[in-house]
Amino acid sequence: MTAETQYGDNHLVALIKGVAEGDQNALAIFYDTTSSHVFGLLVRMLSDRAAAEEILLDVYKQAWRQAASYDQERGSPMGWLLTIARTRALDRIRSIRREQQLKQSIASDSFSQVSSITPEQNAVISERQKLVRAALDSLPDAQREVIEMAYYSGLTHTEIAEKLGLPLGTVKTRTRLAMMKLRELLNPVLEGQP
């Protein structure tokens, strides 16, 4: 028996309307009513209970933020919620794949470069890495966060905006400002490259 058949679409729609109005009690009831179904989907997709629990919280945070945009004409309450859950799970799966590909790429690049790097080149590379890390550390936290999410996790501006719950324009502005600051800080290093 699904949450929809047990409680009815109308009950769930009423709860979503309450959530849209900022009613935390409505969110708690909505969570209690639907979370076992959402969690089941997440566990099946991710094959990892801990990750599913983490994503489950993200799903209900997103439902809280987007409840006002729920349109009963476009689908059932459970369909809407499970779509949010599925999207979040797919984001996590893609993120894990990108991290694994990046690690494999770094490992194979590092292995192939180890034999051809001289001690002098290694010292230069190490010094540049320190300068880049120092430049990153000098950025405001908000700017550094979007840069690290983009470059270390491989996320797009849209994915970063969704994960941080920020407008897309804010993410793009933070990225642009961070890149301008990094260019300014690292220009001497970049100019000195062979």
N, C-alpha and C. Protein backbone atom coordinates (compact mmCIF):
# COMPACT_ATOMS: atom_id res chain seq x y z
N MET A 1 0.85 -1.18 0.00
CA MET A 1 0.00 0.00 0.00
C MET A 1 0.89 1.24 0.00
N THR A 2 0.68 2.13 -0.95
CA THR A 2 1.49 3.34 -1.04
C THR A 2 0.92 4.43 -0.15
N ALA A 3 1.71 5.47 0.05
CA ALA A 3 1.24 6.60 0.85
C ALA A 3 0.02 7.23 0.20
N GLU A 4 -0.03 7.21 -1.13
CA GLU A 4 -1.15 7.83 -1.83
C GLU A 4 -2.45 7.06 -1.57
N THR A 5 -2.37 5.71 -1.66
CA THR A 5 -3.60 4.93 -1.46
C THR A 5 -3.99 4.91 0.00
N GLN A 6 -3.01 4.93 0.89
CA GLN A 6 -3.31 4.89 2.32
C GLN A 6 -3.92 6.22 2.79
N TYR A 7 -3.38 7.33 2.34
CA TYR A 7 -3.82 8.63 2.83
C TYR A 7 -4.57 9.45 1.79
N GLY A 8 -4.44 9.10 0.53
CA GLY A 8 -5.11 9.83 -0.54
C GLY A 8 -4.31 11.02 -1.02
N ASP A 9 -4.41 11.25 -2.33
CA ASP A 9 -3.72 12.39 -2.94
C ASP A 9 -4.12 13.70 -2.28
N ASN A 10 -5.40 13.84 -1.96
CA ASN A 10 -5.88 15.11 -1.40
C ASN A 10 -5.18 15.43 -0.08
N HIS A 11 -4.97 14.40 0.73
CA HIS A 11 -4.28 14.59 2.01
C HIS A 11 -2.85 15.07 1.77
N LEU A 12 -2.17 14.43 0.82
CA LEU A 12 -0.78 14.81 0.52
C LEU A 12 -0.71 16.20 -0.11
N VAL A 13 -1.66 16.52 -0.98
CA VAL A 13 -1.70 17.86 -1.59
C VAL A 13 -1.89 18.91 -0.50
N ALA A 14 -2.78 18.63 0.45
CA ALA A 14 -3.01 19.57 1.56
C ALA A 14 -1.73 19.76 2.38
N LEU A 15 -1.00 18.67 2.59
CA LEU A 15 0.26 18.78 3.33
C LEU A 15 1.27 19.62 2.55
N ILE A 16 1.37 19.42 1.24
CA ILE A 16 2.31 20.20 0.42
C ILE A 16 1.93 21.68 0.48
N LYS A 17 0.64 21.96 0.43
CA LYS A 17 0.20 23.37 0.54
C LYS A 17 0.62 23.95 1.89
N GLY A 18 0.49 23.15 2.96
CA GLY A 18 0.94 23.61 4.27
C GLY A 18 2.44 23.85 4.29
N VAL A 19 3.19 22.97 3.68
CA VAL A 19 4.65 23.13 3.60
C VAL A 19 4.97 24.42 2.84
N ALA A 20 4.26 24.67 1.73
CA ALA A 20 4.48 25.87 0.93
C ALA A 20 4.22 27.14 1.75
N GLU A 21 3.35 27.03 2.73
CA GLU A 21 3.03 28.18 3.60
C GLU A 21 3.99 28.27 4.79
N GLY A 22 4.97 27.37 4.84
CA GLY A 22 5.96 27.42 5.91
C GLY A 22 5.58 26.65 7.15
N ASP A 23 4.58 25.78 7.05
CA ASP A 23 4.11 25.01 8.20
C ASP A 23 5.05 23.81 8.43
N GLN A 24 5.87 23.90 9.46
CA GLN A 24 6.82 22.84 9.76
C GLN A 24 6.12 21.55 10.21
N ASN A 25 4.98 21.69 10.85
CA ASN A 25 4.21 20.52 11.26
C ASN A 25 3.72 19.75 10.03
N ALA A 26 3.30 20.48 9.00
CA ALA A 26 2.87 19.84 7.75
C ALA A 26 4.04 19.08 7.12
N LEU A 27 5.23 19.68 7.18
CA LEU A 27 6.42 19.01 6.63
C LEU A 27 6.70 17.73 7.42
N ALA A 28 6.59 17.79 8.74
CA ALA A 28 6.85 16.61 9.57
C ALA A 28 5.86 15.48 9.23
N ILE A 29 4.60 15.83 9.07
CA ILE A 29 3.58 14.81 8.74
C ILE A 29 3.83 14.28 7.33
N PHE A 30 4.16 15.19 6.40
CA PHE A 30 4.46 14.79 5.02
C PHE A 30 5.65 13.82 5.02
N TYR A 31 6.67 14.15 5.79
CA TYR A 31 7.86 13.28 5.90
C TYR A 31 7.47 11.92 6.48
N ASP A 32 6.75 11.93 7.59
CA ASP A 32 6.36 10.66 8.23
C ASP A 32 5.51 9.80 7.29
N THR A 33 4.69 10.44 6.48
CA THR A 33 3.78 9.74 5.59
C THR A 33 4.49 9.14 4.38
N THR A 34 5.51 9.83 3.88
CA THR A 34 6.09 9.46 2.59
C THR A 34 7.53 8.97 2.63
N SER A 35 8.25 9.21 3.70
CA SER A 35 9.70 8.98 3.70
C SER A 35 10.09 7.53 3.49
N SER A 36 9.29 6.58 3.95
CA SER A 36 9.68 5.18 3.76
C SER A 36 9.70 4.82 2.27
N HIS A 37 8.78 5.36 1.50
CA HIS A 37 8.75 5.11 0.05
C HIS A 37 9.95 5.77 -0.63
N VAL A 38 10.23 7.00 -0.24
CA VAL A 38 11.35 7.73 -0.83
C VAL A 38 12.66 7.03 -0.47
N PHE A 39 12.79 6.64 0.79
CA PHE A 39 14.01 5.96 1.23
C PHE A 39 14.21 4.64 0.47
N GLY A 40 13.14 3.90 0.26
CA GLY A 40 13.22 2.65 -0.48
C GLY A 40 13.76 2.87 -1.89
N LEU A 41 13.26 3.90 -2.57
CA LEU A 41 13.74 4.23 -3.91
C LEU A 41 15.23 4.57 -3.87
N LEU A 42 15.62 5.40 -2.91
CA LEU A 42 17.01 5.84 -2.81
C LEU A 42 17.95 4.67 -2.54
N VAL A 43 17.56 3.77 -1.67
CA VAL A 43 18.40 2.60 -1.37
C VAL A 43 18.55 1.74 -2.62
N ARG A 44 17.44 1.54 -3.35
CA ARG A 44 17.53 0.74 -4.59
C ARG A 44 18.45 1.40 -5.61
N MET A 45 18.38 2.70 -5.73
CA MET A 45 19.19 3.39 -6.74
C MET A 45 20.66 3.47 -6.35
N LEU A 46 20.92 3.72 -5.06
CA LEU A 46 22.29 3.99 -4.62
C LEU A 46 23.01 2.76 -4.07
N SER A 47 22.25 1.76 -3.64
CA SER A 47 22.82 0.56 -3.01
C SER A 47 23.71 0.92 -1.83
N ASP A 48 23.33 1.96 -1.13
CA ASP A 48 24.13 2.45 0.00
C ASP A 48 23.19 3.15 0.97
N ARG A 49 22.93 2.51 2.11
CA ARG A 49 21.96 3.06 3.07
C ARG A 49 22.39 4.42 3.62
N ALA A 50 23.68 4.58 3.90
CA ALA A 50 24.16 5.85 4.46
C ALA A 50 23.96 6.98 3.45
N ALA A 51 24.30 6.73 2.20
CA ALA A 51 24.10 7.74 1.15
C ALA A 51 22.61 8.02 0.98
N ALA A 52 21.79 6.98 1.04
CA ALA A 52 20.34 7.15 0.90
C ALA A 52 19.78 8.01 2.02
N GLU A 53 20.28 7.81 3.24
CA GLU A 53 19.82 8.62 4.38
C GLU A 53 20.20 10.09 4.17
N GLU A 54 21.39 10.32 3.67
CA GLU A 54 21.86 11.70 3.43
C GLU A 54 21.01 12.36 2.35
N ILE A 55 20.79 11.65 1.26
CA ILE A 55 20.00 12.19 0.15
C ILE A 55 18.55 12.39 0.58
N LEU A 56 18.03 11.51 1.42
CA LEU A 56 16.66 11.63 1.91
C LEU A 56 16.44 13.00 2.54
N LEU A 57 17.39 13.44 3.35
CA LEU A 57 17.28 14.76 3.98
C LEU A 57 17.29 15.86 2.92
N ASP A 58 18.16 15.70 1.91
CA ASP A 58 18.22 16.68 0.83
C ASP A 58 16.89 16.76 0.07
N VAL A 59 16.25 15.61 -0.12
CA VAL A 59 14.98 15.56 -0.83
C VAL A 59 13.94 16.40 -0.10
N TYR A 60 13.86 16.25 1.21
CA TYR A 60 12.84 16.98 1.96
C TYR A 60 13.21 18.46 2.14
N LYS A 61 14.49 18.77 2.14
CA LYS A 61 14.89 20.18 2.12
C LYS A 61 14.44 20.82 0.82
N GLN A 62 14.65 20.11 -0.29
CA GLN A 62 14.23 20.63 -1.59
C GLN A 62 12.70 20.72 -1.65
N ALA A 63 12.01 19.74 -1.12
CA ALA A 63 10.54 19.78 -1.09
C ALA A 63 10.07 21.00 -0.29
N TRP A 64 10.75 21.29 0.80
CA TRP A 64 10.42 22.46 1.62
C TRP A 64 10.57 23.74 0.80
N ARG A 65 11.69 23.83 0.06
CA ARG A 65 11.96 25.04 -0.73
C ARG A 65 11.04 25.15 -1.94
N GLN A 66 10.65 24.02 -2.52
CA GLN A 66 9.92 24.06 -3.78
C GLN A 66 8.44 23.69 -3.66
N ALA A 67 7.94 23.56 -2.47
CA ALA A 67 6.53 23.15 -2.30
C ALA A 67 5.58 24.11 -2.99
N ALA A 68 5.90 25.39 -2.99
CA ALA A 68 5.00 26.37 -3.61
C ALA A 68 4.90 26.16 -5.12
N SER A 69 5.90 25.52 -5.72
CA SER A 69 5.87 25.30 -7.17
C SER A 69 5.18 23.98 -7.54
N TYR A 70 4.75 23.20 -6.55
CA TYR A 70 4.06 21.94 -6.87
C TYR A 70 2.77 22.23 -7.61
N ASP A 71 2.56 21.53 -8.72
CA ASP A 71 1.36 21.70 -9.55
C ASP A 71 0.66 20.35 -9.66
N GLN A 72 -0.49 20.25 -9.06
CA GLN A 72 -1.26 19.01 -9.03
C GLN A 72 -1.63 18.55 -10.44
N GLU A 73 -1.74 19.49 -11.37
CA GLU A 73 -2.08 19.15 -12.75
C GLU A 73 -0.96 18.37 -13.44
N ARG A 74 0.28 18.55 -12.97
CA ARG A 74 1.43 17.93 -13.63
C ARG A 74 1.78 16.56 -13.06
N GLY A 75 1.19 16.20 -11.93
CA GLY A 75 1.47 14.88 -11.38
C GLY A 75 1.03 14.76 -9.93
N SER A 76 1.04 13.52 -9.46
CA SER A 76 0.62 13.24 -8.09
C SER A 76 1.68 13.73 -7.10
N PRO A 77 1.29 13.91 -5.85
CA PRO A 77 2.26 14.33 -4.84
C PRO A 77 3.44 13.36 -4.71
N MET A 78 3.16 12.06 -4.72
CA MET A 78 4.25 11.08 -4.61
C MET A 78 5.10 11.09 -5.87
N GLY A 79 4.49 11.28 -7.02
CA GLY A 79 5.26 11.37 -8.26
C GLY A 79 6.22 12.54 -8.22
N TRP A 80 5.73 13.69 -7.73
CA TRP A 80 6.56 14.89 -7.59
C TRP A 80 7.73 14.62 -6.64
N LEU A 81 7.42 14.04 -5.49
CA LEU A 81 8.45 13.79 -4.48
C LEU A 81 9.46 12.75 -4.97
N LEU A 82 8.97 11.69 -5.59
CA LEU A 82 9.89 10.64 -6.08
C LEU A 82 10.74 11.15 -7.24
N THR A 83 10.24 12.11 -8.01
CA THR A 83 11.05 12.72 -9.07
C THR A 83 12.19 13.51 -8.45
N ILE A 84 11.91 14.24 -7.39
CA ILE A 84 12.97 14.96 -6.68
C ILE A 84 14.00 13.96 -6.17
N ALA A 85 13.54 12.88 -5.57
CA ALA A 85 14.44 11.87 -5.01
C ALA A 85 15.28 11.23 -6.11
N ARG A 86 14.65 10.88 -7.21
CA ARG A 86 15.37 10.26 -8.33
C ARG A 86 16.44 11.20 -8.86
N THR A 87 16.10 12.46 -9.03
CA THR A 87 17.07 13.45 -9.54
C THR A 87 18.25 13.58 -8.59
N ARG A 88 17.96 13.65 -7.29
CA ARG A 88 19.03 13.74 -6.29
C ARG A 88 19.93 12.50 -6.32
N ALA A 89 19.33 11.33 -6.45
CA ALA A 89 20.11 10.09 -6.49
C ALA A 89 20.97 10.05 -7.74
N LEU A 90 20.41 10.44 -8.88
CA LEU A 90 21.20 10.47 -10.11
C LEU A 90 22.35 11.45 -10.01
N ASP A 91 22.11 12.60 -9.37
CA ASP A 91 23.20 13.57 -9.15
C ASP A 91 24.32 12.94 -8.34
N ARG A 92 23.96 12.18 -7.30
CA ARG A 92 24.96 11.54 -6.46
C ARG A 92 25.72 10.48 -7.27
N ILE A 93 25.01 9.70 -8.05
CA ILE A 93 25.65 8.66 -8.86
C ILE A 93 26.62 9.29 -9.85
N ARG A 94 26.20 10.37 -10.52
CA ARG A 94 27.08 11.06 -11.46
C ARG A 94 28.30 11.63 -10.75
N SER A 95 28.08 12.20 -9.59
CA SER A 95 29.18 12.78 -8.82
C SER A 95 30.20 11.71 -8.44
N ILE A 96 29.72 10.56 -8.00
CA ILE A 96 30.62 9.45 -7.64
C ILE A 96 31.40 8.99 -8.86
N ARG A 97 30.71 8.88 -10.00
CA ARG A 97 31.41 8.46 -11.23
C ARG A 97 32.48 9.46 -11.62
N ARG A 98 32.15 10.76 -11.54
CA ARG A 98 33.14 11.80 -11.89
C ARG A 98 34.35 11.71 -10.96
N GLU A 99 34.10 11.54 -9.67
CA GLU A 99 35.21 11.43 -8.72
C GLU A 99 36.08 10.22 -9.04
N GLN A 100 35.45 9.09 -9.36
CA GLN A 100 36.22 7.88 -9.69
C GLN A 100 37.02 8.09 -10.97
N GLN A 101 36.41 8.72 -11.98
CA GLN A 101 37.12 8.98 -13.23
C GLN A 101 38.28 9.93 -13.00
N LEU A 102 38.05 10.95 -12.18
CA LEU A 102 39.11 11.91 -11.88
C LEU A 102 40.26 11.23 -11.16
N LYS A 103 39.94 10.40 -10.18
CA LYS A 103 40.99 9.68 -9.44
C LYS A 103 41.78 8.77 -10.37
N GLN A 104 41.07 8.07 -11.25
CA GLN A 104 41.75 7.18 -12.19
C GLN A 104 42.63 7.98 -13.14
N SER A 105 42.10 9.10 -13.60
CA SER A 105 42.85 9.95 -14.52
C SER A 105 44.10 10.52 -13.85
N ILE A 106 43.94 10.99 -12.63
CA ILE A 106 45.07 11.54 -11.89
C ILE A 106 46.10 10.44 -11.62
N ALA A 107 45.63 9.27 -11.23
CA ALA A 107 46.55 8.17 -10.95
C ALA A 107 47.33 7.77 -12.20
N SER A 108 46.63 7.66 -13.33
CA SER A 108 47.34 7.26 -14.55
C SER A 108 48.25 8.37 -15.05
N ASP A 109 47.82 9.63 -14.94
CA ASP A 109 48.68 10.75 -15.34
C ASP A 109 49.91 10.83 -14.46
N SER A 110 49.69 10.68 -13.15
CA SER A 110 50.81 10.74 -12.21
C SER A 110 51.80 9.64 -12.48
N PHE A 111 51.28 8.43 -12.75
CA PHE A 111 52.16 7.29 -12.99
C PHE A 111 52.98 7.51 -14.26
N SER A 112 52.33 8.00 -15.32
CA SER A 112 53.04 8.19 -16.57
C SER A 112 54.03 9.34 -16.50
N GLN A 113 53.75 10.34 -15.66
CA GLN A 113 54.63 11.49 -15.57
C GLN A 113 55.79 11.29 -14.60
N VAL A 114 55.65 10.36 -13.67
CA VAL A 114 56.67 10.18 -12.64
C VAL A 114 58.03 9.89 -13.27
N SER A 115 58.05 9.03 -14.27
CA SER A 115 59.33 8.63 -14.83
C SER A 115 59.97 9.73 -15.67
N SER A 116 59.19 10.69 -16.19
CA SER A 116 59.75 11.69 -17.07
C SER A 116 60.03 13.03 -16.39
N ILE A 117 59.73 13.17 -15.10
CA ILE A 117 59.93 14.43 -14.40
C ILE A 117 61.29 14.43 -13.70
N THR A 118 62.03 15.50 -13.95
CA THR A 118 63.34 15.64 -13.29
C THR A 118 63.12 16.22 -11.90
N PRO A 119 64.08 16.12 -11.02
CA PRO A 119 63.93 16.71 -9.68
C PRO A 119 63.67 18.21 -9.74
N GLU A 120 64.28 18.90 -10.69
CA GLU A 120 64.06 20.35 -10.81
C GLU A 120 62.62 20.65 -11.21
N GLN A 121 62.09 19.86 -12.19
CA GLN A 121 60.70 20.04 -12.61
C GLN A 121 59.75 19.71 -11.47
N ASN A 122 60.07 18.70 -10.71
CA ASN A 122 59.26 18.32 -9.57
C ASN A 122 59.20 19.45 -8.54
N ALA A 123 60.34 20.11 -8.31
CA ALA A 123 60.39 21.22 -7.36
C ALA A 123 59.54 22.39 -7.86
N VAL A 124 59.60 22.66 -9.16
CA VAL A 124 58.81 23.75 -9.74
C VAL A 124 57.31 23.43 -9.63
N ILE A 125 56.95 22.20 -9.95
CA ILE A 125 55.54 21.78 -9.86
C ILE A 125 55.04 21.89 -8.43
N SER A 126 55.85 21.44 -7.49
CA SER A 126 55.48 21.49 -6.08
C SER A 126 55.28 22.93 -5.63
N GLU A 127 56.17 23.82 -6.06
CA GLU A 127 56.06 25.24 -5.69
C GLU A 127 54.79 25.86 -6.29
N ARG A 128 54.49 25.51 -7.53
CA ARG A 128 53.27 26.03 -8.18
C ARG A 128 52.02 25.52 -7.46
N GLN A 129 52.05 24.27 -7.05
CA GLN A 129 50.90 23.72 -6.32
C GLN A 129 50.68 24.48 -5.01
N LYS A 130 51.77 24.81 -4.34
CA LYS A 130 51.65 25.58 -3.09
C LYS A 130 51.08 26.96 -3.36
N LEU A 131 51.52 27.59 -4.45
CA LEU A 131 51.01 28.93 -4.79
C LEU A 131 49.52 28.88 -5.14
N VAL A 132 49.13 27.87 -5.88
CA VAL A 132 47.72 27.73 -6.24
C VAL A 132 46.88 27.49 -4.99
N ARG A 133 47.35 26.62 -4.09
CA ARG A 133 46.62 26.35 -2.85
C ARG A 133 46.51 27.62 -2.01
N ALA A 134 47.60 28.39 -1.93
CA ALA A 134 47.58 29.64 -1.16
C ALA A 134 46.60 30.63 -1.78
N ALA A 135 46.58 30.70 -3.11
CA ALA A 135 45.64 31.59 -3.79
C ALA A 135 44.20 31.16 -3.52
N LEU A 136 43.92 29.87 -3.59
CA LEU A 136 42.58 29.36 -3.28
C LEU A 136 42.20 29.68 -1.83
N ASP A 137 43.14 29.49 -0.92
CA ASP A 137 42.87 29.74 0.50
C ASP A 137 42.60 31.21 0.78
N SER A 138 43.10 32.10 -0.09
CA SER A 138 42.90 33.53 0.13
C SER A 138 41.53 34.01 -0.34
N LEU A 139 40.81 33.18 -1.09
CA LEU A 139 39.48 33.56 -1.56
C LEU A 139 38.49 33.56 -0.40
N PRO A 140 37.45 34.39 -0.49
CA PRO A 140 36.36 34.30 0.49
C PRO A 140 35.76 32.89 0.43
N ASP A 141 35.25 32.41 1.55
CA ASP A 141 34.74 31.04 1.63
C ASP A 141 33.71 30.73 0.55
N ALA A 142 32.79 31.66 0.29
CA ALA A 142 31.73 31.41 -0.68
C ALA A 142 32.30 31.21 -2.08
N GLN A 143 33.32 32.00 -2.43
CA GLN A 143 33.94 31.87 -3.75
C GLN A 143 34.76 30.60 -3.84
N ARG A 144 35.51 30.29 -2.80
CA ARG A 144 36.34 29.08 -2.81
C ARG A 144 35.45 27.84 -2.92
N GLU A 145 34.31 27.86 -2.24
CA GLU A 145 33.42 26.71 -2.25
C GLU A 145 32.95 26.39 -3.67
N VAL A 146 32.52 27.42 -4.44
CA VAL A 146 32.04 27.14 -5.79
C VAL A 146 33.17 26.69 -6.71
N ILE A 147 34.36 27.25 -6.54
CA ILE A 147 35.51 26.84 -7.36
C ILE A 147 35.87 25.39 -7.06
N GLU A 148 35.93 25.02 -5.79
CA GLU A 148 36.28 23.64 -5.43
C GLU A 148 35.22 22.66 -5.91
N MET A 149 33.94 23.03 -5.82
CA MET A 149 32.88 22.14 -6.28
C MET A 149 32.96 21.96 -7.80
N ALA A 150 33.31 23.02 -8.50
CA ALA A 150 33.41 22.94 -9.96
C ALA A 150 34.62 22.13 -10.39
N TYR A 151 35.77 22.39 -9.79
CA TYR A 151 37.00 21.78 -10.28
C TYR A 151 37.33 20.45 -9.62
N TYR A 152 36.99 20.28 -8.36
CA TYR A 152 37.33 19.02 -7.70
C TYR A 152 36.20 18.00 -7.81
N SER A 153 34.94 18.47 -7.87
CA SER A 153 33.82 17.54 -7.97
C SER A 153 33.25 17.48 -9.38
N GLY A 154 33.69 18.39 -10.24
CA GLY A 154 33.24 18.38 -11.62
C GLY A 154 31.79 18.80 -11.80
N LEU A 155 31.26 19.60 -10.88
CA LEU A 155 29.86 20.01 -10.96
C LEU A 155 29.71 21.22 -11.89
N THR A 156 28.57 21.28 -12.56
CA THR A 156 28.25 22.44 -13.39
C THR A 156 27.72 23.55 -12.50
N HIS A 157 27.60 24.76 -13.08
CA HIS A 157 27.03 25.87 -12.32
C HIS A 157 25.63 25.52 -11.82
N THR A 158 24.85 24.88 -12.66
CA THR A 158 23.48 24.51 -12.28
C THR A 158 23.48 23.52 -11.13
N GLU A 159 24.36 22.52 -11.19
CA GLU A 159 24.44 21.52 -10.12
C GLU A 159 24.91 22.16 -8.81
N ILE A 160 25.85 23.10 -8.90
CA ILE A 160 26.32 23.80 -7.70
C ILE A 160 25.18 24.61 -7.10
N ALA A 161 24.46 25.34 -7.95
CA ALA A 161 23.34 26.15 -7.47
C ALA A 161 22.32 25.29 -6.75
N GLU A 162 22.02 24.12 -7.31
CA GLU A 162 21.04 23.22 -6.70
C GLU A 162 21.55 22.69 -5.37
N LYS A 163 22.83 22.24 -5.34
CA LYS A 163 23.38 21.69 -4.10
C LYS A 163 23.43 22.72 -2.97
N LEU A 164 23.76 23.98 -3.33
CA LEU A 164 23.88 25.02 -2.31
C LEU A 164 22.57 25.76 -2.06
N GLY A 165 21.56 25.49 -2.88
CA GLY A 165 20.29 26.19 -2.73
C GLY A 165 20.40 27.67 -3.05
N LEU A 166 21.23 27.99 -4.06
CA LEU A 166 21.46 29.38 -4.45
C LEU A 166 20.93 29.62 -5.85
N PRO A 167 20.63 30.89 -6.19
CA PRO A 167 20.27 31.20 -7.57
C PRO A 167 21.48 30.94 -8.49
N LEU A 168 21.20 30.54 -9.71
CA LEU A 168 22.25 30.25 -10.68
C LEU A 168 23.14 31.47 -10.90
N GLY A 169 22.55 32.65 -10.97
CA GLY A 169 23.32 33.88 -11.18
C GLY A 169 24.32 34.13 -10.07
N THR A 170 23.96 33.81 -8.85
CA THR A 170 24.86 33.98 -7.70
C THR A 170 26.07 33.07 -7.84
N VAL A 171 25.83 31.83 -8.24
CA VAL A 171 26.93 30.88 -8.43
C VAL A 171 27.86 31.36 -9.53
N LYS A 172 27.29 31.82 -10.64
CA LYS A 172 28.11 32.31 -11.75
C LYS A 172 28.92 33.53 -11.35
N THR A 173 28.32 34.44 -10.59
CA THR A 173 29.03 35.64 -10.14
C THR A 173 30.17 35.27 -9.21
N ARG A 174 29.90 34.37 -8.26
CA ARG A 174 30.96 33.95 -7.34
C ARG A 174 32.12 33.29 -8.10
N THR A 175 31.77 32.48 -9.10
CA THR A 175 32.80 31.81 -9.89
C THR A 175 33.63 32.83 -10.65
N ARG A 176 32.96 33.79 -11.29
CA ARG A 176 33.67 34.80 -12.08
C ARG A 176 34.58 35.64 -11.18
N LEU A 177 34.08 36.07 -10.03
CA LEU A 177 34.89 36.86 -9.10
C LEU A 177 36.10 36.06 -8.61
N ALA A 178 35.86 34.79 -8.30
CA ALA A 178 36.96 33.93 -7.83
C ALA A 178 38.01 33.75 -8.92
N MET A 179 37.57 33.53 -10.14
CA MET A 179 38.52 33.34 -11.25
C MET A 179 39.32 34.62 -11.51
N MET A 180 38.67 35.77 -11.41
CA MET A 180 39.39 37.04 -11.60
C MET A 180 40.45 37.21 -10.51
N LYS A 181 40.09 36.89 -9.27
CA LYS A 181 41.03 37.01 -8.16
C LYS A 181 42.18 36.01 -8.31
N LEU A 182 41.87 34.79 -8.70
CA LEU A 182 42.92 33.78 -8.90
C LEU A 182 43.85 34.20 -10.04
N ARG A 183 43.29 34.73 -11.12
CA ARG A 183 44.12 35.18 -12.24
C ARG A 183 45.07 36.28 -11.77
N GLU A 184 44.53 37.20 -10.96
CA GLU A 184 45.36 38.29 -10.44
C GLU A 184 46.49 37.76 -9.55
N LEU A 185 46.15 36.83 -8.67
CA LEU A 185 47.13 36.29 -7.74
C LEU A 185 48.17 35.39 -8.44
N LEU A 186 47.72 34.67 -9.46
CA LEU A 186 48.60 33.69 -10.10
C LEU A 186 49.25 34.20 -11.39
N ASN A 187 48.95 35.43 -11.79
CA ASN A 187 49.51 35.97 -13.02
C ASN A 187 51.03 35.89 -13.07
N PRO A 188 51.74 36.23 -11.97
CA PRO A 188 53.21 36.10 -12.02
C PRO A 188 53.66 34.66 -12.30
N VAL A 189 52.94 33.70 -11.76
CA VAL A 189 53.29 32.28 -11.97
C VAL A 189 53.01 31.92 -13.43
N LEU A 190 51.83 32.35 -13.93
CA LEU A 190 51.44 32.01 -15.30
C LEU A 190 52.37 32.65 -16.33
N GLU A 191 52.80 33.87 -16.06
CA GLU A 191 53.70 34.56 -17.00
C GLU A 191 55.06 33.88 -17.05
N GLY A 192 55.48 33.29 -15.95
CA GLY A 192 56.79 32.66 -15.88
C GLY A 192 56.83 31.26 -16.42
N GLN A 193 55.66 30.74 -16.93
CA GLN A 193 55.63 29.37 -17.45
C GLN A 193 56.40 29.28 -18.77
N PRO A 194 57.11 28.16 -18.98
CA PRO A 194 57.80 28.00 -20.25
C PRO A 194 56.83 27.83 -21.40
